[in-house]
């Protein structure tokens, strides 16, 4: 059976029905292997999503460029400009660990955003470094609040 690239709505409709597969890929060869393996979602570099050969390598994988803050920009407007370029280059959504205000702006401009909670590498200096989170009731409750705040801001 032919496989189509899923939409955000397709992924949301699968919640509770089956597990989705996700893989981080760094090259066209890895993207092609993910496609052949039937991986649902691939996290890709900005360089890969901007490569014109990318969609030939992974035509049906839902592609989310990673949270590359140095390339994303510093302000909400910078991030919005980057998001528009990513979408034009065939990204299906984008990771964004910026403020809730920025995420709401992306949502308002119909840019699908995938959130990130818990250990967010870009925020590690603010949270005590690279360490496990959610190991205490208080820490787990904070992660849950982050999830709910991101959902309310418009992430999927």
Foldseek 3Di string as FASTA:
>chain_A
DDAAADAPVRVVVCVPPDDAAEEEDEDLVVLLVCQVVVHAEYEYAPVLLQPLCNCVSHVRHQYEYACPPVCCDDDLVSNLVVLVVSVVSPHNAYEDADDLVSLLVCVVVVGAYAYDFFPDPVCQVVVPHDDGFPPDVVRVVVRVVVVVSNVVSPYD
